[in-house]
Amino acid sequence: MPICVFDIFADGTTQVPADTKLTGPGIYRWWHFDLADPMLDPWVREHLHEIPAGSLIQKQTRPRCDRFEGGLILNLRGINMNEGQDADEMVSVRMYVDSDLLITVRRKKVFAIDAIRRDAEAQKAPPSPAEFLEELVGRLTQRVQEHVAGLDEQAEFFEDDLEDKNTPMPHELPEIRRSVIRLRRYLDPQRVALTKLAAFDIPLIPDDSQLELREQANSALIAVEELDELRDRLVSVQEEHDANTAQRQARHGYVLSVAAAIFLPLGFLTGLFGVNVGGMPGVDHPWAFAILCLGMVGLALLMFLALKLVRWI
């Protein structure tokens, strides 16, 4: 059973059809399905050509836009706003669009589709398939832009933190880098699909809708460019954190090396005078230990001056 089905008329009013025909008396009939519905496969194969039918029920998709006879096969992706799920695991909507028919299939809840469904229930549906696509693409693109803007703010925060070179690398940084990569994986082909959609010269997409879809394709392009910039900025942030960490480690290693250079001869002397054999000088002298300690202090000062002279410190 479909999630919803509406006959949509020229003024945006809707009615739920009483019949099960593919199209109805309105400008177009909108069918919305869940991919998990076991009745979906036989239904689309009964009512549609095998090519659009196959595109609606395939398990894995990527954004695409292709003409089929007088209609369109369209797959788009949107930000995953479902509770407890990662936003960058983008949700897909599969569509077949014709002049009097629009079929959408989701795998996970798509909030942009649900918003249009609520409008249809309120008798404010998009009055044509082209306007439906305009509204859907606009909602999907707007949420993408908002999410990318949020990532941009986080990148700026990470860059500001670099002013203090002792700030540790943010633990969120690797996950945000992966998120940018995953988003770009879907948004670049989506940009291509929207560009193709806006360029189609078919009766289904009138000129005014083409203009709006062109603007949405441009917005998708901007989002992809921002993701490219974000990816490079985040790489730069991580590289600078890595450089600061390496610099701190090198400084600590340098201090240890200097300390080792000073204490190496002192350790040799303490080892030499610590052997418990006969004939050790000063064993019976009451000032021998004090003289040895003063000599070691003097030797440490000499080592320090020698290291300063050769510019090790």
C-alpha atoms as a PDB file:
ATOM      1  CA  MET A   1       0.000   0.000   0.000  1.00  0.00           C
ATOM      2  CA  PRO A   2       1.305   3.508  -0.782  1.00  0.00           C
ATOM      3  CA  ILE A   3       2.180   5.886   2.049  1.00  0.00           C
ATOM      4  CA  CYS A   4      -0.123   8.374   0.352  1.00  0.00           C
ATOM      5  CA  VAL A   5      -1.794   9.018  -2.982  1.00  0.00           C
ATOM      6  CA  PHE A   6      -3.391  12.287  -4.123  1.00  0.00           C
ATOM      7  CA  ASP A   7      -5.147  13.607  -7.180  1.00  0.00           C
ATOM      8  CA  ILE A   8      -3.825  17.165  -7.489  1.00  0.00           C
ATOM      9  CA  PHE A   9      -5.705  19.875  -9.362  1.00  0.00           C
ATOM     10  CA  ALA A  10      -4.653  23.130 -11.067  1.00  0.00           C
ATOM     11  CA  ASP A  11      -5.439  25.279  -7.993  1.00  0.00           C
ATOM     12  CA  GLY A  12      -3.398  23.070  -5.641  1.00  0.00           C
ATOM     13  CA  THR A  13      -6.397  21.366  -4.085  1.00  0.00           C
ATOM     14  CA  THR A  14      -6.246  17.616  -3.623  1.00  0.00           C
ATOM     15  CA  GLN A  15      -8.410  14.615  -3.087  1.00  0.00           C
ATOM     16  CA  VAL A  16      -7.637  11.041  -2.158  1.00  0.00           C
ATOM     17  CA  PRO A  17      -8.761   8.864  -5.083  1.00  0.00           C
ATOM     18  CA  ALA A  18     -11.274   6.097  -4.559  1.00  0.00           C
ATOM     19  CA  ASP A  19      -9.930   4.028  -7.468  1.00  0.00           C
ATOM     20  CA  THR A  20      -6.584   2.319  -8.024  1.00  0.00           C
ATOM     21  CA  LYS A  21      -5.901   3.609 -11.539  1.00  0.00           C
ATOM     22  CA  LEU A  22      -2.446   4.909 -12.348  1.00  0.00           C
ATOM     23  CA  THR A  23      -3.729   8.401 -13.193  1.00  0.00           C
ATOM     24  CA  GLY A  24      -6.803  10.353 -12.181  1.00  0.00           C
ATOM     25  CA  PRO A  25      -9.008  13.343 -12.986  1.00  0.00           C
ATOM     26  CA  GLY A  26      -6.586  15.961 -11.656  1.00  0.00           C
ATOM     27  CA  ILE A  27      -3.618  17.580 -13.356  1.00  0.00           C
ATOM     28  CA  TYR A  28      -1.557  14.676 -12.021  1.00  0.00           C
ATOM     29  CA  ARG A  29      -1.770  11.832  -9.547  1.00  0.00           C
ATOM     30  CA  TRP A  30       0.990  11.544  -6.932  1.00  0.00           C
ATOM     31  CA  TRP A  31       1.858   8.123  -5.554  1.00  0.00           C
ATOM     32  CA  HIS A  32       4.311   7.917  -2.654  1.00  0.00           C
ATOM     33  CA  PHE A  33       5.724   4.539  -1.546  1.00  0.00           C
ATOM     34  CA  ASP A  34       8.114   3.028   0.932  1.00  0.00           C
ATOM     35  CA  LEU A  35      10.746   0.820  -0.695  1.00  0.00           C
ATOM     36  CA  ALA A  36      10.181  -1.823   2.000  1.00  0.00           C
ATOM     37  CA  ASP A  37       6.550  -2.288   0.911  1.00  0.00           C
ATOM     38  CA  PRO A  38       6.337  -5.850  -0.482  1.00  0.00           C
ATOM     39  CA  MET A  39       3.530  -4.758  -2.834  1.00  0.00           C
ATOM     40  CA  LEU A  40       5.675  -2.100  -4.511  1.00  0.00           C
ATOM     41  CA  ASP A  41       7.626  -4.444  -6.802  1.00  0.00           C
ATOM     42  CA  PRO A  42       4.593  -6.135  -8.417  1.00  0.00           C
ATOM     43  CA  TRP A  43       2.714  -2.815  -8.569  1.00  0.00           C
ATOM     44  CA  VAL A  44       5.371  -0.892 -10.520  1.00  0.00           C
ATOM     45  CA  ARG A  45       6.065  -3.837 -12.825  1.00  0.00           C
ATOM     46  CA  GLU A  46       2.350  -4.057 -13.608  1.00  0.00           C
ATOM     47  CA  HIS A  47       1.856  -0.342 -14.294  1.00  0.00           C
ATOM     48  CA  LEU A  48       5.194   0.907 -15.696  1.00  0.00           C
ATOM     49  CA  HIS A  49       7.721   0.017 -18.337  1.00  0.00           C
ATOM     50  CA  GLU A  50      10.525  -2.166 -16.972  1.00  0.00           C
ATOM     51  CA  ILE A  51      13.124   0.634 -17.137  1.00  0.00           C
ATOM     52  CA  PRO A  52      11.375   3.200 -14.868  1.00  0.00           C
ATOM     53  CA  ALA A  53      10.008   0.329 -12.779  1.00  0.00           C
ATOM     54  CA  GLY A  54      13.524  -0.979 -12.176  1.00  0.00           C
ATOM     55  CA  SER A  55      14.827   2.483 -11.281  1.00  0.00           C
ATOM     56  CA  LEU A  56      12.129   2.882  -8.612  1.00  0.00           C
ATOM     57  CA  ILE A  57      12.816  -0.391  -6.794  1.00  0.00           C
ATOM     58  CA  GLN A  58      16.605  -0.749  -7.025  1.00  0.00           C
ATOM     59  CA  LYS A  59      18.222  -1.066  -3.596  1.00  0.00           C
ATOM     60  CA  GLN A  60      21.232   1.201  -4.144  1.00  0.00           C
ATOM     61  CA  THR A  61      21.008   4.463  -6.058  1.00  0.00           C
ATOM     62  CA  ARG A  62      23.040   7.491  -6.962  1.00  0.00           C
ATOM     63  CA  PRO A  63      21.684  10.854  -8.129  1.00  0.00           C
ATOM     64  CA  ARG A  64      20.626  10.713 -11.775  1.00  0.00           C
ATOM     65  CA  CYS A  65      18.311  12.391 -14.266  1.00  0.00           C
ATOM     66  CA  ASP A  66      17.313  10.684 -17.519  1.00  0.00           C
ATOM     67  CA  ARG A  67      14.535  11.152 -20.019  1.00  0.00           C
ATOM     68  CA  PHE A  68      12.264   8.225 -20.678  1.00  0.00           C
ATOM     69  CA  GLU A  69       9.821   8.778 -23.536  1.00  0.00           C
ATOM     70  CA  GLY A  70       7.905  11.893 -22.436  1.00  0.00           C
ATOM     71  CA  GLY A  71       8.764  11.592 -18.760  1.00  0.00           C
ATOM     72  CA  LEU A  72      11.721  11.639 -16.396  1.00  0.00           C
ATOM     73  CA  ILE A  73      13.588   9.133 -14.248  1.00  0.00           C
ATOM     74  CA  LEU A  74      15.029  11.134 -11.380  1.00  0.00           C
ATOM     75  CA  ASN A  75      16.963  10.111  -8.250  1.00  0.00           C
ATOM     76  CA  LEU A  76      17.923  12.746  -5.682  1.00  0.00           C
ATOM     77  CA  ARG A  77      19.533  12.801  -2.259  1.00  0.00           C
ATOM     78  CA  GLY A  78      18.812  14.874   0.824  1.00  0.00           C
ATOM     79  CA  ILE A  79      20.318  15.481   4.252  1.00  0.00           C
ATOM     80  CA  ASN A  80      19.390  12.676   6.644  1.00  0.00           C
ATOM     81  CA  MET A  81      17.351  14.363   9.377  1.00  0.00           C
ATOM     82  CA  ASN A  82      16.104  11.130  10.953  1.00  0.00           C
ATOM     83  CA  GLU A  83      16.716  10.909  14.684  1.00  0.00           C
ATOM     84  CA  GLY A  84      19.842   9.029  15.731  1.00  0.00           C
ATOM     85  CA  GLN A  85      21.278   8.873  12.181  1.00  0.00           C
ATOM     86  CA  ASP A  86      24.215  10.724  10.650  1.00  0.00           C
ATOM     87  CA  ALA A  87      23.240  13.706   8.509  1.00  0.00           C
ATOM     88  CA  ASP A  88      25.868  12.850   5.891  1.00  0.00           C
ATOM     89  CA  GLU A  89      24.324   9.406   5.284  1.00  0.00           C
ATOM     90  CA  MET A  90      22.050  11.079   2.783  1.00  0.00           C
ATOM     91  CA  VAL A  91      18.538   9.761   2.196  1.00  0.00           C
ATOM     92  CA  SER A  92      17.389   9.027  -1.338  1.00  0.00           C
ATOM     93  CA  VAL A  93      14.152   9.650  -3.188  1.00  0.00           C
ATOM     94  CA  ARG A  94      13.478   7.771  -6.433  1.00  0.00           C
ATOM     95  CA  MET A  95      11.043   9.350  -8.859  1.00  0.00           C
ATOM     96  CA  TYR A  96       9.276   8.751 -12.097  1.00  0.00           C
ATOM     97  CA  VAL A  97       7.583  11.874 -13.458  1.00  0.00           C
ATOM     98  CA  ASP A  98       5.217  12.244 -16.394  1.00  0.00           C
ATOM     99  CA  SER A  99       2.766  14.925 -17.434  1.00  0.00           C
ATOM    100  CA  ASP A 100      -0.109  13.398 -15.439  1.00  0.00           C
ATOM    101  CA  LEU A 101       1.760  11.084 -13.071  1.00  0.00           C
ATOM    102  CA  LEU A 102       4.347  11.404 -10.327  1.00  0.00           C
ATOM    103  CA  ILE A 103       5.663   8.423  -8.350  1.00  0.00           C
ATOM    104  CA  THR A 104       8.100   8.829  -5.469  1.00  0.00           C
ATOM    105  CA  VAL A 105       9.759   6.041  -3.512  1.00  0.00           C
ATOM    106  CA  ARG A 106      11.753   6.455  -0.338  1.00  0.00           C
ATOM    107  CA  ARG A 107      13.920   4.063   1.653  1.00  0.00           C
ATOM    108  CA  LYS A 108      14.154   6.220   4.778  1.00  0.00           C
ATOM    109  CA  LYS A 109      11.945   9.117   5.760  1.00  0.00           C
ATOM    110  CA  VAL A 110      12.624  12.164   3.554  1.00  0.00           C
ATOM    111  CA  PHE A 111      11.515  15.284   5.420  1.00  0.00           C
ATOM    112  CA  ALA A 112      11.224  17.360   2.231  1.00  0.00           C
ATOM    113  CA  ILE A 113       8.712  14.855   0.821  1.00  0.00           C
ATOM    114  CA  ASP A 114       6.818  14.772   4.104  1.00  0.00           C
ATOM    115  CA  ALA A 115       6.540  18.584   4.041  1.00  0.00           C
ATOM    116  CA  ILE A 116       4.978  18.427   0.564  1.00  0.00           C
ATOM    117  CA  ARG A 117       2.622  15.693   1.747  1.00  0.00           C
ATOM    118  CA  ARG A 118       1.462  17.927   4.618  1.00  0.00           C
ATOM    119  CA  ASP A 119       0.870  20.734   2.120  1.00  0.00           C
ATOM    120  CA  ALA A 120      -1.192  18.338  -0.008  1.00  0.00           C
ATOM    121  CA  GLU A 121      -3.263  17.376   3.026  1.00  0.00           C
ATOM    122  CA  ALA A 122      -3.803  21.112   3.655  1.00  0.00           C
ATOM    123  CA  GLN A 123      -5.008  21.594   0.039  1.00  0.00           C
ATOM    124  CA  LYS A 124      -1.821  23.492  -0.904  1.00  0.00           C
ATOM    125  CA  ALA A 125      -0.090  20.977  -3.161  1.00  0.00           C
ATOM    126  CA  PRO A 126       2.193  22.004  -6.045  1.00  0.00           C
ATOM    127  CA  PRO A 127      -0.267  22.364  -8.950  1.00  0.00           C
ATOM    128  CA  SER A 128       1.917  20.657 -11.568  1.00  0.00           C
ATOM    129  CA  PRO A 129       4.642  18.000 -11.695  1.00  0.00           C
ATOM    130  CA  ALA A 130       7.199  20.672 -12.645  1.00  0.00           C
ATOM    131  CA  GLU A 131       6.286  22.784  -9.613  1.00  0.00           C
ATOM    132  CA  PHE A 132       6.435  19.663  -7.449  1.00  0.00           C
ATOM    133  CA  LEU A 133      10.020  19.147  -8.647  1.00  0.00           C
ATOM    134  CA  GLU A 134      10.815  22.823  -8.030  1.00  0.00           C
ATOM    135  CA  GLU A 135       9.581  22.617  -4.458  1.00  0.00           C
ATOM    136  CA  LEU A 136      11.244  19.287  -3.717  1.00  0.00           C
ATOM    137  CA  VAL A 137      14.616  20.314  -5.194  1.00  0.00           C
ATOM    138  CA  GLY A 138      14.411  23.653  -3.393  1.00  0.00           C
ATOM    139  CA  ARG A 139      13.788  22.023  -0.020  1.00  0.00           C
ATOM    140  CA  LEU A 140      16.546  19.446  -0.506  1.00  0.00           C
ATOM    141  CA  THR A 141      19.040  22.090  -1.647  1.00  0.00           C
ATOM    142  CA  GLN A 142      18.195  24.472   1.190  1.00  0.00           C
ATOM    143  CA  ARG A 143      18.861  21.786   3.807  1.00  0.00           C
ATOM    144  CA  VAL A 144      22.128  20.887   2.120  1.00  0.00           C
ATOM    145  CA  GLN A 145      23.192  24.547   2.225  1.00  0.00           C
ATOM    146  CA  GLU A 146      22.263  24.833   5.915  1.00  0.00           C
ATOM    147  CA  HIS A 147      24.250  21.714   6.766  1.00  0.00           C
ATOM    148  CA  VAL A 148      27.288  22.855   4.775  1.00  0.00           C
ATOM    149  CA  ALA A 149      27.085  26.256   6.500  1.00  0.00           C
ATOM    150  CA  GLY A 150      27.182  24.459   9.867  1.00  0.00           C
ATOM    151  CA  LEU A 151      30.302  22.551   8.815  1.00  0.00           C
ATOM    152  CA  ASP A 152      31.852  25.838   7.675  1.00  0.00           C
ATOM    153  CA  GLU A 153      31.280  27.361  11.137  1.00  0.00           C
ATOM    154  CA  GLN A 154      32.996  24.383  12.762  1.00  0.00           C
ATOM    155  CA  ALA A 155      35.950  24.736  10.373  1.00  0.00           C
ATOM    156  CA  GLU A 156      36.266  28.435  11.305  1.00  0.00           C
ATOM    157  CA  PHE A 157      36.244  27.478  15.006  1.00  0.00           C
ATOM    158  CA  PHE A 158      39.041  24.949  14.413  1.00  0.00           C
ATOM    159  CA  GLU A 159      41.055  27.576  12.498  1.00  0.00           C
ATOM    160  CA  ASP A 160      40.643  30.103  15.325  1.00  0.00           C
ATOM    161  CA  ASP A 161      41.914  27.504  17.792  1.00  0.00           C
ATOM    162  CA  LEU A 162      45.175  27.295  15.844  1.00  0.00           C
ATOM    163  CA  GLU A 163      46.184  30.708  17.218  1.00  0.00           C
ATOM    164  CA  ASP A 164      47.181  28.815  20.371  1.00  0.00           C
ATOM    165  CA  LYS A 165      49.773  26.321  19.171  1.00  0.00           C
ATOM    166  CA  ASN A 166      49.353  24.243  22.337  1.00  0.00           C
ATOM    167  CA  THR A 167      45.678  23.531  21.618  1.00  0.00           C
ATOM    168  CA  PRO A 168      45.240  19.781  21.029  1.00  0.00           C
ATOM    169  CA  MET A 169      43.666  18.575  17.790  1.00  0.00           C
ATOM    170  CA  PRO A 170      39.827  18.543  18.130  1.00  0.00           C
ATOM    171  CA  HIS A 171      38.569  14.978  18.404  1.00  0.00           C
ATOM    172  CA  GLU A 172      35.689  15.888  16.035  1.00  0.00           C
ATOM    173  CA  LEU A 173      38.042  16.872  13.214  1.00  0.00           C
ATOM    174  CA  PRO A 174      38.538  13.409  11.615  1.00  0.00           C
ATOM    175  CA  GLU A 175      34.785  12.708  11.661  1.00  0.00           C
ATOM    176  CA  ILE A 176      33.978  16.073  10.078  1.00  0.00           C
ATOM    177  CA  ARG A 177      36.542  15.398   7.336  1.00  0.00           C
ATOM    178  CA  ARG A 178      34.864  12.051   6.637  1.00  0.00           C
ATOM    179  CA  SER A 179      31.462  13.772   6.651  1.00  0.00           C
ATOM    180  CA  VAL A 180      32.611  16.275   4.010  1.00  0.00           C
ATOM    181  CA  ILE A 181      33.921  13.438   1.834  1.00  0.00           C
ATOM    182  CA  ARG A 182      30.652  11.498   2.103  1.00  0.00           C
ATOM    183  CA  LEU A 183      28.544  14.571   1.329  1.00  0.00           C
ATOM    184  CA  ARG A 184      30.592  15.423  -1.730  1.00  0.00           C
ATOM    185  CA  ARG A 185      30.263  11.853  -2.964  1.00  0.00           C
ATOM    186  CA  TYR A 186      26.519  12.394  -3.418  1.00  0.00           C
ATOM    187  CA  LEU A 187      26.304  16.123  -4.075  1.00  0.00           C
ATOM    188  CA  ASP A 188      28.606  16.227  -7.080  1.00  0.00           C
ATOM    189  CA  PRO A 189      26.481  13.722  -9.119  1.00  0.00           C
ATOM    190  CA  GLN A 190      23.372  15.487  -7.780  1.00  0.00           C
ATOM    191  CA  ARG A 191      24.694  18.763  -9.211  1.00  0.00           C
ATOM    192  CA  VAL A 192      25.115  17.035 -12.565  1.00  0.00           C
ATOM    193  CA  ALA A 193      21.594  15.571 -12.368  1.00  0.00           C
ATOM    194  CA  LEU A 194      20.034  18.955 -11.543  1.00  0.00           C
ATOM    195  CA  THR A 195      21.955  20.622 -14.373  1.00  0.00           C
ATOM    196  CA  LYS A 196      20.587  18.013 -16.793  1.00  0.00           C
ATOM    197  CA  LEU A 197      17.073  18.462 -15.392  1.00  0.00           C
ATOM    198  CA  ALA A 198      17.196  22.235 -15.897  1.00  0.00           C
ATOM    199  CA  ALA A 199      18.491  21.806 -19.456  1.00  0.00           C
ATOM    200  CA  PHE A 200      15.764  19.444 -20.705  1.00  0.00           C
ATOM    201  CA  ASP A 201      13.566  21.053 -23.339  1.00  0.00           C
ATOM    202  CA  ILE A 202      10.397  19.038 -22.857  1.00  0.00           C
ATOM    203  CA  PRO A 203       6.755  20.029 -22.287  1.00  0.00           C
ATOM    204  CA  LEU A 204       6.927  18.555 -18.787  1.00  0.00           C
ATOM    205  CA  ILE A 205       9.326  21.338 -17.721  1.00  0.00           C
ATOM    206  CA  PRO A 206       8.080  24.783 -18.858  1.00  0.00           C
ATOM    207  CA  ASP A 207      10.408  27.760 -19.216  1.00  0.00           C
ATOM    208  CA  ASP A 208       9.661  29.355 -15.845  1.00  0.00           C
ATOM    209  CA  SER A 209      10.333  26.041 -14.078  1.00  0.00           C
ATOM    210  CA  GLN A 210      13.566  25.663 -16.054  1.00  0.00           C
ATOM    211  CA  LEU A 211      14.759  29.010 -14.723  1.00  0.00           C
ATOM    212  CA  GLU A 212      14.023  28.017 -11.125  1.00  0.00           C
ATOM    213  CA  LEU A 213      15.658  24.609 -11.539  1.00  0.00           C
ATOM    214  CA  ARG A 214      18.705  26.315 -13.052  1.00  0.00           C
ATOM    215  CA  GLU A 215      19.008  28.392  -9.900  1.00  0.00           C
ATOM    216  CA  GLN A 216      18.790  25.251  -7.770  1.00  0.00           C
ATOM    217  CA  ALA A 217      21.460  23.581  -9.911  1.00  0.00           C
ATOM    218  CA  ASN A 218      23.659  26.632  -9.364  1.00  0.00           C
ATOM    219  CA  SER A 219      23.065  26.390  -5.605  1.00  0.00           C
ATOM    220  CA  ALA A 220      24.080  22.729  -5.719  1.00  0.00           C
ATOM    221  CA  LEU A 221      27.264  23.719  -7.572  1.00  0.00           C
ATOM    222  CA  ILE A 222      28.045  26.314  -4.896  1.00  0.00           C
ATOM    223  CA  ALA A 223      27.532  23.669  -2.190  1.00  0.00           C
ATOM    224  CA  VAL A 224      29.968  21.318  -3.954  1.00  0.00           C
ATOM    225  CA  GLU A 225      32.548  24.116  -4.283  1.00  0.00           C
ATOM    226  CA  GLU A 226      32.131  24.940  -0.579  1.00  0.00           C
ATOM    227  CA  LEU A 227      32.681  21.283   0.281  1.00  0.00           C
ATOM    228  CA  ASP A 228      35.863  21.265  -1.813  1.00  0.00           C
ATOM    229  CA  GLU A 229      37.073  24.342   0.040  1.00  0.00           C
ATOM    230  CA  LEU A 230      36.075  22.829   3.394  1.00  0.00           C
ATOM    231  CA  ARG A 231      37.952  19.625   2.604  1.00  0.00           C
ATOM    232  CA  ASP A 232      41.124  21.595   1.869  1.00  0.00           C
ATOM    233  CA  ARG A 233      40.730  23.796   4.947  1.00  0.00           C
ATOM    234  CA  LEU A 234      40.226  20.807   7.232  1.00  0.00           C
ATOM    235  CA  VAL A 235      43.288  19.103   5.742  1.00  0.00           C
ATOM    236  CA  SER A 236      45.239  22.306   6.412  1.00  0.00           C
ATOM    237  CA  VAL A 237      43.982  22.419  10.021  1.00  0.00           C
ATOM    238  CA  GLN A 238      44.988  18.806  10.619  1.00  0.00           C
ATOM    239  CA  GLU A 239      48.404  19.332   9.005  1.00  0.00           C
ATOM    240  CA  GLU A 240      49.043  22.363  11.207  1.00  0.00           C
ATOM    241  CA  HIS A 241      48.032  20.423  14.320  1.00  0.00           C
ATOM    242  CA  ASP A 242      50.348  17.600  13.226  1.00  0.00           C
ATOM    243  CA  ALA A 243      53.173  20.119  12.650  1.00  0.00           C
ATOM    244  CA  ASN A 244      52.618  21.678  16.088  1.00  0.00           C
ATOM    245  CA  THR A 245      52.646  18.237  17.698  1.00  0.00           C
ATOM    246  CA  ALA A 246      55.848  17.296  15.863  1.00  0.00           C
ATOM    247  CA  GLN A 247      57.409  20.601  16.917  1.00  0.00           C
ATOM    248  CA  ARG A 248      56.534  20.010  20.569  1.00  0.00           C
ATOM    249  CA  GLN A 249      57.918  16.479  20.419  1.00  0.00           C
ATOM    250  CA  ALA A 250      61.102  17.731  18.761  1.00  0.00           C
ATOM    251  CA  ARG A 251      61.489  20.398  21.466  1.00  0.00           C
ATOM    252  CA  HIS A 252      61.011  17.824  24.220  1.00  0.00           C
ATOM    253  CA  GLY A 253      63.455  15.486  22.534  1.00  0.00           C
ATOM    254  CA  TYR A 254      65.963  18.321  22.253  1.00  0.00           C
ATOM    255  CA  VAL A 255      65.709  19.086  25.984  1.00  0.00           C
ATOM    256  CA  LEU A 256      66.221  15.412  26.814  1.00  0.00           C
ATOM    257  CA  SER A 257      69.237  15.257  24.480  1.00  0.00           C
ATOM    258  CA  VAL A 258      70.857  18.257  26.173  1.00  0.00           C
ATOM    259  CA  ALA A 259      70.197  16.774  29.609  1.00  0.00           C
ATOM    260  CA  ALA A 260      71.665  13.459  28.491  1.00  0.00           C
ATOM    261  CA  ALA A 261      74.767  15.204  27.107  1.00  0.00           C
ATOM    262  CA  ILE A 262      75.370  16.938  30.449  1.00  0.00           C
ATOM    263  CA  PHE A 263      74.669  13.950  32.673  1.00  0.00           C
ATOM    264  CA  LEU A 264      76.492  11.332  30.585  1.00  0.00           C
ATOM    265  CA  PRO A 265      79.974  12.130  31.993  1.00  0.00           C
ATOM    266  CA  LEU A 266      78.484  12.569  35.459  1.00  0.00           C
ATOM    267  CA  GLY A 267      76.961   9.119  35.213  1.00  0.00           C
ATOM    268  CA  PHE A 268      80.317   7.752  34.101  1.00  0.00           C
ATOM    269  CA  LEU A 269      82.025   9.260  37.175  1.00  0.00           C
ATOM    270  CA  THR A 270      79.413   7.986  39.629  1.00  0.00           C
ATOM    271  CA  GLY A 271      79.688   4.545  38.068  1.00  0.00           C
ATOM    272  CA  LEU A 272      83.476   4.616  38.210  1.00  0.00           C
ATOM    273  CA  PHE A 273      83.666   5.755  41.847  1.00  0.00           C
ATOM    274  CA  GLY A 274      80.891   3.405  42.830  1.00  0.00           C
ATOM    275  CA  VAL A 275      82.871   0.217  42.212  1.00  0.00           C
ATOM    276  CA  ASN A 276      83.529  -1.638  45.433  1.00  0.00           C
ATOM    277  CA  VAL A 277      87.186  -2.660  45.011  1.00  0.00           C
ATOM    278  CA  GLY A 278      90.353  -1.904  46.938  1.00  0.00           C
ATOM    279  CA  GLY A 279      92.535   1.017  45.993  1.00  0.00           C
ATOM    280  CA  MET A 280      89.731   3.571  45.456  1.00  0.00           C
ATOM    281  CA  PRO A 281      91.176   7.071  46.147  1.00  0.00           C
ATOM    282  CA  GLY A 282      89.682   9.079  48.962  1.00  0.00           C
ATOM    283  CA  VAL A 283      88.069   6.130  50.741  1.00  0.00           C
ATOM    284  CA  ASP A 284      89.685   7.138  54.038  1.00  0.00           C
ATOM    285  CA  HIS A 285      89.548  10.912  53.452  1.00  0.00           C
ATOM    286  CA  PRO A 286      86.625  12.675  55.267  1.00  0.00           C
ATOM    287  CA  TRP A 287      86.246  15.343  52.529  1.00  0.00           C
ATOM    288  CA  ALA A 288      86.424  12.988  49.547  1.00  0.00           C
ATOM    289  CA  PHE A 289      82.648  12.802  48.919  1.00  0.00           C
ATOM    290  CA  ALA A 290      82.242  16.597  49.125  1.00  0.00           C
ATOM    291  CA  ILE A 291      85.162  17.114  46.747  1.00  0.00           C
ATOM    292  CA  LEU A 292      83.665  14.581  44.302  1.00  0.00           C
ATOM    293  CA  CYS A 293      80.264  16.340  44.372  1.00  0.00           C
ATOM    294  CA  LEU A 294      81.854  19.765  43.821  1.00  0.00           C
ATOM    295  CA  GLY A 295      83.898  18.337  40.971  1.00  0.00           C
ATOM    296  CA  MET A 296      80.760  16.918  39.338  1.00  0.00           C
ATOM    297  CA  VAL A 297      79.010  20.289  39.658  1.00  0.00           C
ATOM    298  CA  GLY A 298      81.994  21.966  38.065  1.00  0.00           C
ATOM    299  CA  LEU A 299      82.038  19.377  35.274  1.00  0.00           C
ATOM    300  CA  ALA A 300      78.311  19.951  34.652  1.00  0.00           C
ATOM    301  CA  LEU A 301      78.952  23.710  34.357  1.00  0.00           C
ATOM    302  CA  LEU A 302      81.805  23.076  31.941  1.00  0.00           C
ATOM    303  CA  MET A 303      79.577  20.817  29.819  1.00  0.00           C
ATOM    304  CA  PHE A 304      76.876  23.482  29.807  1.00  0.00           C
ATOM    305  CA  LEU A 305      79.354  26.156  28.690  1.00  0.00           C
ATOM    306  CA  ALA A 306      80.733  23.827  26.009  1.00  0.00           C
ATOM    307  CA  LEU A 307      77.240  23.195  24.631  1.00  0.00           C
ATOM    308  CA  LYS A 308      76.564  26.940  24.604  1.00  0.00           C
ATOM    309  CA  LEU A 309      79.844  27.496  22.799  1.00  0.00           C
ATOM    310  CA  VAL A 310      78.918  25.067  20.001  1.00  0.00           C
ATOM    311  CA  ARG A 311      75.378  26.574  19.958  1.00  0.00           C
ATOM    312  CA  TRP A 312      73.534  23.394  20.933  1.00  0.00           C
ATOM    313  CA  ILE A 313      71.601  25.423  23.485  1.00  0.00           C
END
